[in-house]
Amino acid sequence: MTVLNTSRFNWLPEPSIKDETHRNRTEHTLDWLARSTSAEATECRRFLNENLSNFPNEVQQYFHHYLQERWRITFFELVVARMLQELGADLGFETISSDGKRPDFAVQFPDGKIIVEATAPIFNASVEIEEKDRIPLLEIIESKIPAGWLVGVWELPKIGPADSKQEFKRTVAQLLDIPPPTKDATDLELTSELPSGVISLHLSPESSGGRGVGMEGFYSNSDNSETRIRHAIRQKRSQVRGSNVPVLLAIQASGKSSSFEDFDNALFGRTFASYNERRELVETGFMPSGEFNNKSEKAPTYAGVLAFLEMGWLGGPTPILYRHPRCASALPESFLQFEQRTYDQKEKRIRKQVSTAKDYLFQKLRFVQMDPKRS
């Protein structure tokens, strides 16, 4: 694939009308970037414009369209594509394979070719529903915050989109009916209990005299990261099965509590401990119950998984390369700088090889250098 060298590419121009406001909770990120002149928005536009300029026109158009239609997965695809370029690859983007399939990236390195398929499944969907239900409540709180206070929302009642919010609105107005902070003001804890649940707010003096919600508290959910990683492995097999070159599946784990340990469990299995009736430890070991440790005699579909945690404007942790223990295919040397994990079947444990990549890779992508508020 021919790469453009258009450093002046300017898909998202600077807005002509001054607007320092942050993105509101229901506004699409691209709509915010099209209007806001804040320092955060300027830096986010710089990141997108710079990175998109590394692709041919037809690929730029793909990202333009799908960043609007499906922001989260397309942002991740952009990060993966740019990472592969910075590793020294020439990318074929959704090229048709010999069996008529269209994997995301046909990746040519000087020392070999691979296929990379990228996916960013939804983790903990119940949290997204809870977040949406909270939006009107948070907007009510924001409308009532006195000047000079920053509000942290520790807890909110369970009030659905069809439920009346009048009692909540009255209670919030009473709680926040306080004057602006004095110079020696200290933090305040404000709490009220409604039939639908507790309102718990933490107020801090804002030195600049501004106002707003600074923290939105915690969400109650049971983490399903391991299950979603397993599902992604199975779901994408048909897209890349039969490839005549090694296949890597890039997975973004997006759960609020997702960790690389979830990849360990999903791909290889987990440690266990057994106790007798007197609660004495009698056995420890490793249960190889992961997707990469099945009993199949067939050659594995994947050479490995490139595991990412949530990627955003600020970047994220360097990915870890999980290598399939039954795959003998060589990978391009550029990938060997990542931390590598595989399962040692003789020793029955996960082997780890330390990364030499450090943070330089994401420095090359020049992620946003400040924290964009709710973007």
Protein backbone atom coordinates (compact mmCIF):
# COMPACT_ATOMS: atom_id res chain seq x y z
CA MET A 1 0.00 0.00 0.00
CA THR A 2 1.31 3.41 -0.91
CA VAL A 3 1.49 5.76 2.06
CA LEU A 4 0.86 9.46 1.73
CA ASN A 5 3.33 11.97 3.10
CA THR A 6 0.80 14.73 3.56
CA SER A 7 1.74 16.18 6.93
CA ARG A 8 -0.56 19.16 6.22
CA PHE A 9 -3.65 16.95 5.80
CA ASN A 10 -6.47 18.77 7.55
CA TRP A 11 -9.63 16.71 7.66
CA LEU A 12 -10.81 18.50 10.82
CA PRO A 13 -10.10 22.25 10.44
CA GLU A 14 -10.02 24.65 13.36
CA PRO A 15 -13.50 26.15 14.01
CA SER A 16 -13.86 29.85 13.16
CA ILE A 17 -16.12 30.71 16.13
CA LYS A 18 -14.66 30.58 19.64
CA ASP A 19 -16.28 27.89 21.76
CA GLU A 20 -14.41 26.62 24.84
CA THR A 21 -17.09 24.20 26.04
CA HIS A 22 -16.45 20.51 26.54
CA ARG A 23 -18.38 17.75 24.83
CA ASN A 24 -21.73 17.04 26.45
CA ARG A 25 -22.68 13.46 27.20
CA THR A 26 -25.02 12.93 24.24
CA GLU A 27 -22.87 14.72 21.63
CA HIS A 28 -20.88 12.72 19.08
CA THR A 29 -17.14 13.25 19.48
CA LEU A 30 -16.78 14.46 15.89
CA ASP A 31 -19.55 17.04 16.40
CA TRP A 32 -17.65 18.34 19.44
CA LEU A 33 -14.41 18.49 17.46
CA ALA A 34 -16.15 20.38 14.66
CA ARG A 35 -17.22 23.22 16.98
CA SER A 36 -14.96 23.40 20.05
CA THR A 37 -11.90 25.64 20.16
CA SER A 38 -10.77 24.36 23.57
CA ALA A 39 -7.16 23.26 24.00
CA GLU A 40 -8.34 19.66 24.42
CA ALA A 41 -10.33 19.70 21.17
CA THR A 42 -7.42 21.28 19.29
CA GLU A 43 -5.10 18.53 20.48
CA CYS A 44 -7.60 15.79 19.55
CA ARG A 45 -7.98 17.25 16.03
CA ARG A 46 -4.20 17.30 15.71
CA PHE A 47 -4.02 13.60 16.64
CA LEU A 48 -6.66 12.56 14.08
CA ASN A 49 -5.36 14.77 11.28
CA GLU A 50 -1.75 13.65 11.74
CA ASN A 51 -2.51 9.96 11.86
CA LEU A 52 -5.02 9.92 9.02
CA SER A 53 -2.50 11.67 6.77
CA ASN A 54 -0.46 8.45 6.72
CA PHE A 55 -3.07 6.63 4.61
CA PRO A 56 -4.09 6.75 0.94
CA ASN A 57 -7.21 8.74 0.08
CA GLU A 58 -9.53 5.73 -0.09
CA VAL A 59 -8.47 4.58 3.38
CA GLN A 60 -8.87 8.09 4.77
CA GLN A 61 -12.43 8.09 3.42
CA TYR A 62 -13.09 4.79 5.16
CA PHE A 63 -12.04 6.26 8.50
CA HIS A 64 -13.94 9.50 7.87
CA HIS A 65 -17.15 7.55 7.34
CA TYR A 66 -16.85 4.92 10.03
CA LEU A 67 -15.54 7.20 12.77
CA GLN A 68 -18.94 8.86 12.44
CA GLU A 69 -20.91 5.60 12.20
CA ARG A 70 -19.09 3.41 14.76
CA TRP A 71 -16.58 5.56 16.62
CA ARG A 72 -15.20 3.10 19.14
CA ILE A 73 -14.20 0.16 16.90
CA THR A 74 -12.97 2.48 14.12
CA PHE A 75 -10.78 4.45 16.54
CA PHE A 76 -9.24 1.14 17.60
CA GLU A 77 -8.70 0.10 13.98
CA LEU A 78 -6.94 3.43 13.38
CA VAL A 79 -4.60 2.79 16.32
CA VAL A 80 -3.83 -0.76 15.14
CA ALA A 81 -3.20 0.38 11.54
CA ARG A 82 -0.84 3.16 12.63
CA MET A 83 0.94 0.85 15.05
CA LEU A 84 1.59 -1.62 12.24
CA GLN A 85 2.96 1.18 10.06
CA GLU A 86 5.28 2.33 12.83
CA LEU A 87 6.50 -1.25 13.18
CA GLY A 88 7.63 -1.02 9.55
CA ALA A 89 4.73 -2.67 7.72
CA ASP A 90 3.17 -1.94 4.37
CA LEU A 91 -0.60 -2.33 4.77
CA GLY A 92 -3.18 -3.77 2.45
CA PHE A 93 -6.51 -2.55 3.79
CA GLU A 94 -9.46 -5.00 3.54
CA THR A 95 -7.95 -6.67 0.48
CA ILE A 96 -9.80 -9.72 -0.88
CA SER A 97 -8.07 -12.97 0.07
CA SER A 98 -7.88 -16.07 -2.13
CA ASP A 99 -11.05 -17.46 -0.52
CA GLY A 100 -12.98 -14.22 -1.07
CA LYS A 101 -12.80 -12.94 2.55
CA ARG A 102 -11.77 -9.43 3.57
CA PRO A 103 -9.56 -9.42 6.70
CA ASP A 104 -8.83 -5.96 8.09
CA PHE A 105 -5.12 -5.80 7.27
CA ALA A 106 -2.82 -7.76 4.96
CA VAL A 107 0.49 -6.79 6.52
CA GLN A 108 3.78 -7.02 4.63
CA PHE A 109 7.02 -6.75 6.58
CA PRO A 110 10.49 -7.07 5.04
CA ASP A 111 10.82 -10.49 6.69
CA GLY A 112 7.33 -11.87 6.20
CA LYS A 113 3.62 -11.40 5.66
CA ILE A 114 0.79 -11.77 8.17
CA ILE A 115 -2.94 -11.08 8.45
CA VAL A 116 -4.20 -8.86 11.29
CA GLU A 117 -7.89 -8.78 12.17
CA ALA A 118 -8.99 -6.14 14.71
CA THR A 119 -12.00 -6.33 17.00
CA ALA A 120 -13.28 -4.28 19.94
CA PRO A 121 -16.26 -6.16 21.42
CA ILE A 122 -18.59 -4.49 23.89
CA PHE A 123 -17.71 -5.50 27.44
CA ASN A 124 -20.20 -5.17 30.30
CA ALA A 125 -23.09 -3.90 28.18
CA SER A 126 -25.16 -3.38 31.35
CA VAL A 127 -22.76 -0.59 32.32
CA GLU A 128 -23.51 1.24 29.07
CA ILE A 129 -27.23 1.03 29.83
CA GLU A 130 -26.59 2.36 33.34
CA GLU A 131 -24.48 5.19 31.92
CA LYS A 132 -27.29 6.19 29.54
CA ASP A 133 -29.83 6.15 32.38
CA ARG A 134 -27.55 8.44 34.39
CA ILE A 135 -27.20 11.10 31.69
CA PRO A 136 -30.42 13.05 32.49
CA LEU A 137 -29.64 12.85 36.23
CA LEU A 138 -26.12 14.20 35.75
CA GLU A 139 -27.47 16.99 33.53
CA ILE A 140 -29.91 17.98 36.29
CA ILE A 141 -27.03 18.08 38.79
CA GLU A 142 -24.90 20.17 36.42
CA SER A 143 -27.69 22.69 35.97
CA LYS A 144 -27.89 23.25 39.75
CA ILE A 145 -24.18 23.45 40.69
CA PRO A 146 -23.31 26.80 42.34
CA ALA A 147 -20.43 28.79 40.87
CA GLY A 148 -17.03 27.83 42.26
CA TRP A 149 -17.80 24.21 43.13
CA LEU A 150 -16.65 21.00 41.45
CA VAL A 151 -19.02 18.11 42.14
CA GLY A 152 -18.10 14.45 42.41
CA VAL A 153 -21.07 12.10 42.07
CA TRP A 154 -20.54 9.11 44.34
CA GLU A 155 -23.99 7.54 44.13
CA LEU A 156 -27.28 8.10 42.32
CA PRO A 157 -30.76 6.56 42.61
CA LYS A 158 -31.98 3.98 40.11
CA ILE A 159 -34.21 6.17 37.96
CA GLY A 160 -34.96 4.85 34.47
CA PRO A 161 -35.62 6.92 31.33
CA ALA A 162 -39.41 6.58 31.69
CA ASP A 163 -39.47 7.37 35.45
CA SER A 164 -40.42 10.77 36.84
CA LYS A 165 -37.45 12.90 37.81
CA GLN A 166 -39.32 15.68 39.59
CA GLU A 167 -38.51 14.51 43.13
CA PHE A 168 -34.86 14.02 42.13
CA LYS A 169 -34.75 17.54 40.64
CA ARG A 170 -36.27 19.12 43.79
CA THR A 171 -33.89 17.24 46.09
CA VAL A 172 -30.80 18.16 44.06
CA ALA A 173 -31.88 21.82 44.02
CA GLN A 174 -32.18 21.78 47.83
CA LEU A 175 -28.82 20.03 48.31
CA LEU A 176 -26.97 22.46 46.04
CA ASP A 177 -28.66 25.60 47.35
CA ILE A 178 -25.38 26.85 48.82
CA PRO A 179 -23.27 29.96 48.22
CA PRO A 180 -20.00 29.97 46.27
CA PRO A 181 -17.00 28.78 48.32
CA THR A 182 -14.99 31.23 50.38
CA LYS A 183 -11.19 31.39 50.15
CA ASP A 184 -10.79 28.99 53.09
CA ALA A 185 -13.65 26.67 52.08
CA THR A 186 -13.17 22.91 52.51
CA ASP A 187 -14.79 19.93 50.80
CA LEU A 188 -18.43 19.12 51.50
CA GLU A 189 -20.32 15.81 51.55
CA LEU A 190 -24.01 16.11 50.63
CA THR A 191 -26.37 13.13 50.92
CA SER A 192 -30.10 12.56 50.61
CA GLU A 193 -32.14 9.37 50.41
CA LEU A 194 -35.06 8.99 48.02
CA PRO A 195 -37.39 5.97 47.60
CA SER A 196 -35.45 5.19 44.40
CA GLY A 197 -32.05 5.31 46.10
CA VAL A 198 -29.35 7.55 47.55
CA ILE A 199 -27.94 10.80 46.17
CA SER A 200 -24.36 11.20 47.37
CA LEU A 201 -22.31 14.20 46.20
CA HIS A 202 -18.80 15.39 47.04
CA LEU A 203 -18.16 19.13 46.56
CA SER A 204 -14.68 20.62 46.19
CA PRO A 205 -13.82 24.33 45.84
CA GLU A 206 -12.75 25.11 42.27
CA SER A 207 -9.82 27.55 42.36
CA SER A 208 -10.61 29.01 38.94
CA GLY A 209 -14.17 29.84 39.96
CA GLY A 210 -15.62 27.36 37.47
CA ARG A 211 -18.28 24.75 38.06
CA GLY A 212 -19.07 21.27 36.84
CA VAL A 213 -19.11 17.52 37.46
CA GLY A 214 -15.58 16.31 38.05
CA MET A 215 -16.19 12.62 38.81
CA GLU A 216 -19.13 10.38 38.03
CA GLY A 217 -18.61 7.60 40.53
CA PHE A 218 -18.72 3.85 40.13
CA TYR A 219 -20.99 1.45 38.30
CA SER A 220 -22.35 -1.75 39.74
CA ASN A 221 -21.60 -4.64 37.40
CA SER A 222 -20.16 -8.13 37.25
CA ASP A 223 -17.16 -8.19 34.93
CA ASN A 224 -17.49 -10.40 31.83
CA SER A 225 -14.11 -9.67 30.23
CA GLU A 226 -12.95 -13.28 29.99
CA THR A 227 -16.22 -14.38 28.38
CA ARG A 228 -16.12 -11.58 25.81
CA ILE A 229 -12.50 -12.35 24.86
CA ARG A 230 -13.43 -16.00 24.32
CA HIS A 231 -16.41 -14.94 22.20
CA ALA A 232 -14.23 -12.66 20.05
CA ILE A 233 -11.79 -15.54 19.40
CA ARG A 234 -14.60 -17.83 18.24
CA GLN A 235 -16.53 -15.18 16.30
CA LYS A 236 -13.59 -14.08 14.16
CA ARG A 237 -12.33 -17.56 13.22
CA SER A 238 -14.50 -17.81 10.11
CA GLN A 239 -13.17 -14.46 8.85
CA VAL A 240 -9.55 -15.65 8.75
CA ARG A 241 -9.74 -19.45 8.67
CA GLY A 242 -7.75 -21.00 5.85
CA SER A 243 -5.21 -18.20 5.55
CA ASN A 244 -1.89 -19.27 4.05
CA VAL A 245 0.01 -16.78 6.24
CA PRO A 246 0.04 -16.37 10.05
CA VAL A 247 -2.98 -14.59 11.54
CA LEU A 248 -2.97 -12.28 14.56
CA LEU A 249 -6.22 -11.19 16.17
CA ALA A 250 -5.97 -7.73 17.78
CA ILE A 251 -8.53 -7.53 20.60
CA GLN A 252 -9.36 -4.44 22.63
CA ALA A 253 -10.66 -5.33 26.08
CA SER A 254 -12.86 -2.40 26.99
CA GLY A 255 -14.36 -3.37 30.32
CA LYS A 256 -13.86 -0.94 33.17
CA SER A 257 -12.12 -3.67 35.15
CA SER A 258 -10.49 -5.57 32.24
CA SER A 259 -6.88 -6.64 32.68
CA PHE A 260 -4.27 -8.74 30.90
CA GLU A 261 -5.06 -11.48 33.42
CA ASP A 262 -8.44 -11.83 31.65
CA PHE A 263 -6.50 -12.66 28.47
CA ASP A 264 -4.37 -15.19 30.42
CA ASN A 265 -7.54 -16.93 31.61
CA ALA A 266 -9.41 -16.76 28.29
CA LEU A 267 -6.52 -17.92 26.10
CA PHE A 268 -4.58 -20.34 28.31
CA GLY A 269 -6.54 -21.15 31.48
CA ARG A 270 -6.08 -20.50 35.18
CA THR A 271 -4.32 -21.67 38.30
CA PHE A 272 -6.27 -23.62 40.91
CA ALA A 273 -5.96 -24.69 44.52
CA SER A 274 -7.76 -27.62 46.19
CA TYR A 275 -8.50 -27.95 49.92
CA ASN A 276 -9.70 -30.88 52.00
CA GLU A 277 -12.59 -30.84 54.47
CA ARG A 278 -10.25 -29.40 57.12
CA ARG A 279 -9.47 -26.50 54.78
CA GLU A 280 -5.93 -27.72 54.30
CA LEU A 281 -4.27 -27.07 50.95
CA VAL A 282 -3.78 -30.40 49.21
CA GLU A 283 -3.08 -29.48 45.58
CA THR A 284 -2.21 -26.57 43.33
CA GLY A 285 -1.79 -26.49 39.59
CA PHE A 286 -2.86 -25.01 36.29
CA MET A 287 -6.06 -25.86 34.45
CA PRO A 288 -5.37 -25.39 30.68
CA SER A 289 -8.98 -24.47 29.86
CA GLY A 290 -8.27 -21.52 27.55
CA GLU A 291 -9.17 -21.16 23.87
CA PHE A 292 -5.56 -21.80 22.85
CA ASN A 293 -5.38 -25.02 24.86
CA ASN A 294 -8.15 -27.04 23.24
CA LYS A 295 -7.55 -30.66 22.23
CA SER A 296 -7.90 -30.13 18.48
CA GLU A 297 -5.46 -31.91 16.19
CA LYS A 298 -5.95 -29.31 13.45
CA ALA A 299 -3.50 -26.49 12.81
CA PRO A 300 -4.65 -23.46 14.83
CA THR A 301 -6.41 -20.61 13.03
CA TYR A 302 -4.48 -17.97 14.94
CA ALA A 303 -0.75 -17.58 15.39
CA GLY A 304 -1.63 -15.41 18.35
CA VAL A 305 -3.59 -12.57 19.87
CA LEU A 306 -2.35 -9.00 20.20
CA ALA A 307 -4.04 -7.98 23.45
CA PHE A 308 -4.92 -4.34 24.11
CA LEU A 309 -6.65 -2.74 27.05
CA GLU A 310 -8.91 0.26 26.37
CA MET A 311 -7.30 2.64 23.86
CA GLY A 312 -8.30 6.30 23.97
CA TRP A 313 -7.02 9.77 23.23
CA LEU A 314 -4.20 9.30 25.73
CA GLY A 315 -3.15 5.94 24.30
CA GLY A 316 -2.97 2.98 26.62
CA PRO A 317 -0.68 0.20 27.85
CA THR A 318 1.64 -1.37 25.28
CA PRO A 319 -0.12 -4.50 23.93
CA ILE A 320 0.97 -8.01 24.83
CA LEU A 321 1.49 -10.70 22.19
CA TYR A 322 -0.12 -14.01 23.19
CA ARG A 323 1.35 -16.77 21.02
CA HIS A 324 -0.58 -19.93 20.26
CA PRO A 325 1.38 -22.82 21.82
CA ARG A 326 0.63 -25.11 18.85
CA CYS A 327 1.51 -22.63 16.10
CA ALA A 328 4.98 -23.09 14.63
CA SER A 329 4.73 -20.19 12.15
CA ALA A 330 7.37 -17.50 12.46
CA LEU A 331 6.19 -13.93 13.02
CA PRO A 332 7.95 -10.81 11.70
CA GLU A 333 10.79 -9.79 13.99
CA SER A 334 9.16 -6.41 14.66
CA PHE A 335 6.56 -8.14 16.87
CA LEU A 336 9.16 -9.76 19.08
CA GLN A 337 9.77 -6.48 20.92
CA PHE A 338 6.39 -6.79 22.66
CA GLU A 339 5.94 -8.72 25.88
CA GLN A 340 5.13 -12.27 24.80
CA ARG A 341 3.13 -14.89 26.65
CA THR A 342 2.60 -18.52 25.72
CA TYR A 343 1.66 -21.73 27.49
CA ASP A 344 4.39 -24.24 28.31
CA GLN A 345 2.64 -27.60 28.08
CA LYS A 346 5.48 -29.53 29.71
CA GLU A 347 5.83 -27.24 32.71
CA LYS A 348 2.09 -26.46 32.76
CA ARG A 349 2.46 -22.74 33.23
CA ILE A 350 2.31 -19.49 31.30
CA ARG A 351 5.72 -18.35 30.10
CA LYS A 352 6.39 -14.62 29.86
CA GLN A 353 9.07 -12.86 27.84
CA VAL A 354 9.73 -9.27 28.91
CA SER A 355 8.95 -6.42 26.50
CA THR A 356 11.68 -4.33 24.95
CA ALA A 357 9.15 -1.94 23.37
CA LYS A 358 8.75 0.36 26.38
CA ASP A 359 6.55 3.33 25.40
CA TYR A 360 8.31 4.45 22.26
CA LEU A 361 5.71 2.93 19.94
CA PHE A 362 2.85 5.06 21.24
CA GLN A 363 5.10 8.09 21.34
CA LYS A 364 5.42 7.68 17.58
CA LEU A 365 1.65 7.82 17.21
CA ARG A 366 1.75 11.10 19.20
CA PHE A 367 -1.34 10.54 21.28
CA VAL A 368 -3.11 13.50 22.87
CA GLN A 369 -0.89 15.27 25.41
CA MET A 370 -3.67 16.44 27.75
CA ASP A 371 -6.82 14.92 29.19
CA PRO A 372 -9.86 15.70 26.98
CA LYS A 373 -12.88 16.16 29.22
CA ARG A 374 -15.59 13.57 28.53
CA SER A 375 -14.39 13.14 24.95
